[in-house]
């Protein structure tokens, strides 16, 4: 798969759940439930932060991403497919 091929060239953190083939939501929810249960049991305060990463990639130029993929040895065909994903793309809210 595409994610497996990219993982070989650009390893990710073992805790990453986005953009990979993994049971991310259910695993993270179970972890969150366990933290809440533990905090209640021990009568500890638990602070939770949700980070909106909607604009996480706005500061990195697309050309830089493609260049780094090439430097990491990602197959040219995969880089071209990735570039196509960024060409003339947009989002419409209705």
Protein backbone atom coordinates (compact mmCIF):
# COMPACT_ATOMS: atom_id res chain seq x y z
CA UNK A 1 0.00 0.00 0.00
CA UNK A 2 0.98 3.62 -0.33
CA UNK A 3 1.26 4.10 3.43
CA UNK A 4 3.53 1.04 3.77
CA UNK A 5 5.83 2.31 1.02
CA UNK A 6 6.01 5.79 2.53
CA UNK A 7 6.63 4.28 5.99
CA UNK A 8 9.77 2.56 4.65
CA UNK A 9 11.17 5.83 3.32
CA UNK A 10 9.90 8.15 6.06
CA UNK A 11 9.42 6.29 9.37
CA UNK A 12 6.79 7.75 11.70
CA UNK A 13 6.47 7.83 15.45
CA UNK A 14 4.96 4.64 16.91
CA UNK A 15 2.22 6.76 18.52
CA UNK A 16 1.09 8.31 15.24
CA UNK A 17 -2.49 7.44 14.31
CA UNK A 18 -3.27 9.77 11.43
CA UNK A 19 -2.60 8.92 7.77
CA UNK A 20 -1.60 5.31 8.46
CA UNK A 21 -3.36 1.97 8.27
CA UNK A 22 -3.96 1.42 11.99
CA UNK A 23 -6.88 1.23 14.39
CA UNK A 24 -6.09 4.75 15.59
CA UNK A 25 -9.41 6.06 16.86
CA UNK A 26 -10.37 3.00 18.89
CA UNK A 27 -6.88 2.63 20.35
CA UNK A 28 -6.72 6.31 21.33
CA UNK A 29 -10.23 6.21 22.82
CA UNK A 30 -9.32 3.19 24.96
CA UNK A 31 -6.20 4.98 26.18
CA UNK A 32 -8.23 8.09 26.97
CA UNK A 33 -10.83 6.05 28.89
CA UNK A 34 -8.07 4.35 30.87
CA UNK A 35 -6.58 7.73 31.82
CA UNK A 36 -9.96 9.04 32.97
CA UNK A 37 -10.63 5.89 35.00
CA UNK A 38 -7.20 6.05 36.63
CA UNK A 39 -7.59 9.75 37.51
CA UNK A 40 -11.02 9.12 39.06
CA UNK A 41 -9.77 6.10 41.02
CA UNK A 42 -6.79 8.01 42.42
CA UNK A 43 -8.81 11.24 42.80
CA UNK A 44 -6.36 13.14 40.63
CA UNK A 45 -7.07 16.10 38.40
CA UNK A 46 -6.80 15.29 34.73
CA UNK A 47 -6.17 17.99 32.15
CA UNK A 48 -7.04 17.27 28.53
CA UNK A 49 -6.01 19.26 25.47
CA UNK A 50 -7.34 18.75 21.96
CA UNK A 51 -5.12 20.23 19.28
CA UNK A 52 -6.63 21.33 15.99
CA UNK A 53 -4.08 20.40 13.35
CA UNK A 54 -6.21 21.56 10.41
CA UNK A 55 -3.48 23.99 9.36
CA UNK A 56 -0.50 21.90 10.43
CA UNK A 57 0.99 21.78 6.95
CA UNK A 58 0.37 25.39 5.86
CA UNK A 59 3.89 26.45 6.80
CA UNK A 60 5.72 23.82 4.74
CA UNK A 61 5.94 24.47 1.03
CA UNK A 62 4.69 21.64 -1.13
CA UNK A 63 7.84 21.73 -3.26
CA UNK A 64 9.89 21.14 -0.12
CA UNK A 65 7.76 18.09 0.74
CA UNK A 66 8.31 16.62 -2.73
CA UNK A 67 12.05 17.36 -2.57
CA UNK A 68 12.40 15.61 0.80
CA UNK A 69 10.44 12.60 -0.44
CA UNK A 70 12.96 12.36 -3.29
CA UNK A 71 15.89 12.66 -0.88
CA UNK A 72 14.41 9.88 1.26
CA UNK A 73 14.33 7.57 -1.75
CA UNK A 74 10.59 7.50 -2.33
CA UNK A 75 9.82 6.13 -5.78
CA UNK A 76 9.32 8.89 -8.39
CA UNK A 77 5.91 7.46 -9.31
CA UNK A 78 4.73 7.86 -5.70
CA UNK A 79 6.06 11.42 -5.58
CA UNK A 80 4.20 12.23 -8.81
CA UNK A 81 0.99 10.77 -7.37
CA UNK A 82 1.46 12.87 -4.24
CA UNK A 83 2.05 15.99 -6.34
CA UNK A 84 -1.17 15.25 -8.23
CA UNK A 85 -3.04 15.21 -4.92
CA UNK A 86 -1.88 18.79 -4.28
CA UNK A 87 -2.65 20.08 -7.78
CA UNK A 88 -5.84 22.11 -8.13
CA UNK A 89 -7.31 20.71 -4.90
CA UNK A 90 -9.82 22.51 -2.77
CA UNK A 91 -12.62 22.09 -0.25
CA UNK A 92 -16.22 23.19 -0.60
CA UNK A 93 -18.54 23.64 2.35
CA UNK A 94 -22.27 23.64 1.63
